[in-house]
Amino acid sequence: MTQTAPLDIATAFTKAWTGHDLEKAASYVADDVVFDGPMQQSTGKKPYLEGLTKLSQDVTGVRMIAAFGDDHQALLERFTF
C-alpha cells in the first residue's frame, strides 16, 4: 500500500479550504485533531471545522510562499487575504 506524502496532503488540504471546498478539506482532518492557532484553539474534528468554516468565509485568496516536507512532516508558509 502506498502512502501519500505529508507535503501532498498539507498542500491539498490548504487548496481545498482556501478554495472554499470544506467537504474536501474535512476529508483530510483526523477525528481527534488538536489545533492551537492565533485565532482558534480546538480539540476534535467538529469544533476545528466550525472554526475553519468561519475563517474560510473571510478568505478571498491565498499566496503560497514556501512548502517543505519529508516522509514524516510538512510545513507550508502561506499568506491568506
N, C-alpha and C. Protein backbone atom coordinates (compact mmCIF):
# COMPACT_ATOMS: atom_id res chain seq x y z
N MET A 1 0.84 -1.17 0.00
CA MET A 1 0.00 0.00 0.00
C MET A 1 0.89 1.24 0.00
N THR A 2 0.64 2.16 -0.89
CA THR A 2 1.43 3.38 -0.94
C THR A 2 0.80 4.43 -0.03
N GLN A 3 1.65 5.27 0.51
CA GLN A 3 1.18 6.35 1.36
C GLN A 3 1.39 7.68 0.65
N THR A 4 0.51 8.61 0.93
CA THR A 4 0.64 9.95 0.38
C THR A 4 1.60 10.74 1.25
N ALA A 5 2.51 11.45 0.62
CA ALA A 5 3.50 12.25 1.35
C ALA A 5 2.80 13.36 2.14
N PRO A 6 3.29 13.66 3.35
CA PRO A 6 2.69 14.72 4.16
C PRO A 6 2.58 16.06 3.43
N LEU A 7 3.57 16.40 2.62
CA LEU A 7 3.52 17.67 1.90
C LEU A 7 2.37 17.67 0.90
N ASP A 8 2.12 16.55 0.23
CA ASP A 8 1.00 16.47 -0.70
C ASP A 8 -0.33 16.63 0.03
N ILE A 9 -0.44 16.02 1.20
CA ILE A 9 -1.67 16.13 1.99
C ILE A 9 -1.87 17.56 2.47
N ALA A 10 -0.83 18.17 3.01
CA ALA A 10 -0.94 19.54 3.51
C ALA A 10 -1.29 20.52 2.39
N THR A 11 -0.70 20.34 1.23
CA THR A 11 -0.99 21.21 0.09
C THR A 11 -2.42 21.02 -0.39
N ALA A 12 -2.87 19.78 -0.50
CA ALA A 12 -4.24 19.51 -0.94
C ALA A 12 -5.26 20.07 0.06
N PHE A 13 -4.99 19.90 1.34
CA PHE A 13 -5.88 20.43 2.38
C PHE A 13 -5.97 21.95 2.27
N THR A 14 -4.83 22.61 2.14
CA THR A 14 -4.82 24.08 2.06
C THR A 14 -5.55 24.56 0.81
N LYS A 15 -5.32 23.91 -0.31
CA LYS A 15 -6.02 24.29 -1.54
C LYS A 15 -7.52 24.10 -1.40
N ALA A 16 -7.93 23.04 -0.70
CA ALA A 16 -9.36 22.77 -0.53
C ALA A 16 -10.03 23.85 0.33
N TRP A 17 -9.47 24.14 1.50
CA TRP A 17 -10.18 25.09 2.36
C TRP A 17 -10.08 26.52 1.86
N THR A 18 -8.95 26.90 1.25
CA THR A 18 -8.86 28.26 0.71
C THR A 18 -9.66 28.40 -0.57
N GLY A 19 -9.99 27.28 -1.21
CA GLY A 19 -10.87 27.28 -2.38
C GLY A 19 -12.33 27.08 -2.00
N HIS A 20 -12.62 27.12 -0.69
CA HIS A 20 -13.97 27.01 -0.15
C HIS A 20 -14.61 25.65 -0.41
N ASP A 21 -13.80 24.61 -0.55
CA ASP A 21 -14.31 23.24 -0.67
C ASP A 21 -14.11 22.56 0.69
N LEU A 22 -14.97 22.92 1.64
CA LEU A 22 -14.79 22.46 3.01
C LEU A 22 -15.08 20.98 3.17
N GLU A 23 -15.91 20.42 2.32
CA GLU A 23 -16.15 18.98 2.38
C GLU A 23 -14.86 18.22 2.06
N LYS A 24 -14.17 18.67 1.03
CA LYS A 24 -12.90 18.03 0.68
C LYS A 24 -11.86 18.28 1.77
N ALA A 25 -11.80 19.50 2.28
CA ALA A 25 -10.85 19.81 3.35
C ALA A 25 -11.09 18.91 4.55
N ALA A 26 -12.35 18.68 4.89
CA ALA A 26 -12.69 17.84 6.04
C ALA A 26 -12.18 16.41 5.88
N SER A 27 -12.07 15.96 4.65
CA SER A 27 -11.61 14.58 4.43
C SER A 27 -10.14 14.39 4.83
N TYR A 28 -9.42 15.47 5.01
CA TYR A 28 -8.01 15.39 5.41
C TYR A 28 -7.81 15.53 6.92
N VAL A 29 -8.87 15.81 7.66
CA VAL A 29 -8.77 16.11 9.08
C VAL A 29 -9.10 14.88 9.92
N ALA A 30 -8.24 14.57 10.88
CA ALA A 30 -8.46 13.43 11.79
C ALA A 30 -9.56 13.77 12.80
N ASP A 31 -10.29 12.75 13.23
CA ASP A 31 -11.35 12.94 14.22
C ASP A 31 -10.82 13.53 15.52
N ASP A 32 -9.59 13.21 15.88
CA ASP A 32 -9.02 13.67 17.15
C ASP A 32 -8.02 14.83 16.97
N VAL A 33 -8.23 15.63 15.93
CA VAL A 33 -7.34 16.75 15.66
C VAL A 33 -7.28 17.70 16.86
N VAL A 34 -6.08 18.21 17.13
CA VAL A 34 -5.88 19.25 18.14
C VAL A 34 -5.24 20.42 17.41
N PHE A 35 -5.88 21.58 17.48
CA PHE A 35 -5.38 22.76 16.77
C PHE A 35 -5.18 23.89 17.77
N ASP A 36 -4.03 24.54 17.68
CA ASP A 36 -3.71 25.67 18.55
C ASP A 36 -3.14 26.77 17.67
N GLY A 37 -3.99 27.68 17.25
CA GLY A 37 -3.58 28.76 16.38
C GLY A 37 -3.85 30.11 17.02
N PRO A 38 -3.45 31.19 16.36
CA PRO A 38 -3.61 32.52 16.95
C PRO A 38 -5.07 32.95 17.11
N MET A 39 -5.97 32.39 16.31
CA MET A 39 -7.36 32.81 16.38
C MET A 39 -8.30 31.70 16.84
N GLN A 40 -7.78 30.51 17.05
CA GLN A 40 -8.63 29.39 17.43
C GLN A 40 -7.81 28.32 18.14
N GLN A 41 -8.40 27.77 19.18
CA GLN A 41 -7.88 26.58 19.83
C GLN A 41 -9.05 25.60 19.88
N SER A 42 -8.83 24.38 19.41
CA SER A 42 -9.92 23.41 19.40
C SER A 42 -9.37 22.00 19.49
N THR A 43 -10.23 21.12 19.98
CA THR A 43 -9.93 19.69 20.04
C THR A 43 -11.11 18.96 19.43
N GLY A 44 -10.84 18.13 18.45
CA GLY A 44 -11.88 17.38 17.77
C GLY A 44 -12.20 17.96 16.40
N LYS A 45 -12.63 17.09 15.51
CA LYS A 45 -12.87 17.47 14.12
C LYS A 45 -13.99 18.51 13.98
N LYS A 46 -15.11 18.29 14.66
CA LYS A 46 -16.24 19.21 14.51
C LYS A 46 -15.90 20.64 14.93
N PRO A 47 -15.35 20.86 16.13
CA PRO A 47 -15.00 22.23 16.51
C PRO A 47 -13.95 22.85 15.59
N TYR A 48 -13.00 22.05 15.17
CA TYR A 48 -11.97 22.57 14.26
C TYR A 48 -12.59 23.03 12.95
N LEU A 49 -13.47 22.20 12.38
CA LEU A 49 -14.09 22.55 11.10
C LEU A 49 -15.04 23.73 11.22
N GLU A 50 -15.68 23.89 12.37
CA GLU A 50 -16.52 25.07 12.58
C GLU A 50 -15.68 26.34 12.52
N GLY A 51 -14.52 26.32 13.16
CA GLY A 51 -13.62 27.47 13.10
C GLY A 51 -13.07 27.70 11.71
N LEU A 52 -12.74 26.62 11.03
CA LEU A 52 -12.21 26.72 9.67
C LEU A 52 -13.26 27.28 8.73
N THR A 53 -14.51 26.89 8.93
CA THR A 53 -15.61 27.41 8.10
C THR A 53 -15.73 28.91 8.27
N LYS A 54 -15.68 29.39 9.51
CA LYS A 54 -15.75 30.84 9.76
C LYS A 54 -14.57 31.56 9.10
N LEU A 55 -13.38 31.01 9.26
CA LEU A 55 -12.20 31.63 8.67
C LEU A 55 -12.29 31.66 7.15
N SER A 56 -12.73 30.57 6.55
CA SER A 56 -12.75 30.48 5.09
C SER A 56 -13.72 31.49 4.48
N GLN A 57 -14.72 31.91 5.24
CA GLN A 57 -15.67 32.90 4.72
C GLN A 57 -15.00 34.25 4.49
N ASP A 58 -13.92 34.50 5.21
CA ASP A 58 -13.20 35.77 5.08
C ASP A 58 -12.04 35.70 4.08
N VAL A 59 -11.69 34.51 3.64
CA VAL A 59 -10.55 34.33 2.74
C VAL A 59 -10.99 34.52 1.29
N THR A 60 -10.34 35.46 0.62
CA THR A 60 -10.63 35.66 -0.80
C THR A 60 -9.51 35.14 -1.70
N GLY A 61 -8.38 34.82 -1.09
CA GLY A 61 -7.27 34.28 -1.88
C GLY A 61 -6.15 33.79 -0.98
N VAL A 62 -5.21 33.12 -1.60
CA VAL A 62 -4.05 32.61 -0.86
C VAL A 62 -2.82 32.71 -1.75
N ARG A 63 -1.70 33.04 -1.13
CA ARG A 63 -0.43 33.04 -1.85
C ARG A 63 0.50 32.10 -1.10
N MET A 64 0.90 31.05 -1.77
CA MET A 64 1.84 30.11 -1.17
C MET A 64 3.23 30.72 -1.24
N ILE A 65 3.90 30.79 -0.12
CA ILE A 65 5.22 31.38 -0.05
C ILE A 65 6.31 30.31 -0.12
N ALA A 66 6.13 29.24 0.65
CA ALA A 66 7.11 28.15 0.67
C ALA A 66 6.44 26.87 1.13
N ALA A 67 7.00 25.75 0.70
CA ALA A 67 6.50 24.44 1.12
C ALA A 67 7.68 23.48 1.24
N PHE A 68 7.75 22.81 2.36
CA PHE A 68 8.82 21.85 2.62
C PHE A 68 8.22 20.59 3.21
N GLY A 69 8.84 19.45 2.96
CA GLY A 69 8.34 18.23 3.57
C GLY A 69 9.28 17.06 3.37
N ASP A 70 9.06 16.03 4.18
CA ASP A 70 9.78 14.77 4.04
C ASP A 70 8.77 13.64 4.25
N ASP A 71 9.24 12.48 4.61
CA ASP A 71 8.34 11.34 4.77
C ASP A 71 7.44 11.42 6.00
N HIS A 72 7.73 12.36 6.91
CA HIS A 72 7.01 12.39 8.18
C HIS A 72 6.33 13.71 8.52
N GLN A 73 6.70 14.78 7.86
CA GLN A 73 6.17 16.08 8.24
C GLN A 73 6.15 17.04 7.05
N ALA A 74 5.37 18.11 7.23
CA ALA A 74 5.28 19.12 6.18
C ALA A 74 5.14 20.49 6.82
N LEU A 75 5.60 21.49 6.10
CA LEU A 75 5.47 22.87 6.54
C LEU A 75 5.08 23.71 5.32
N LEU A 76 3.97 24.42 5.45
CA LEU A 76 3.54 25.34 4.40
C LEU A 76 3.55 26.74 4.98
N GLU A 77 4.13 27.66 4.25
CA GLU A 77 4.05 29.06 4.63
C GLU A 77 3.18 29.72 3.58
N ARG A 78 2.12 30.37 4.06
CA ARG A 78 1.16 30.95 3.13
C ARG A 78 0.69 32.29 3.66
N PHE A 79 0.17 33.07 2.76
CA PHE A 79 -0.45 34.34 3.11
C PHE A 79 -1.87 34.28 2.59
N THR A 80 -2.85 34.41 3.48
CA THR A 80 -4.24 34.43 3.05
C THR A 80 -4.76 35.85 3.11
N PHE A 81 -5.63 36.16 2.19
CA PHE A 81 -6.21 37.51 2.16
C PHE A 81 -7.66 37.42 1.75
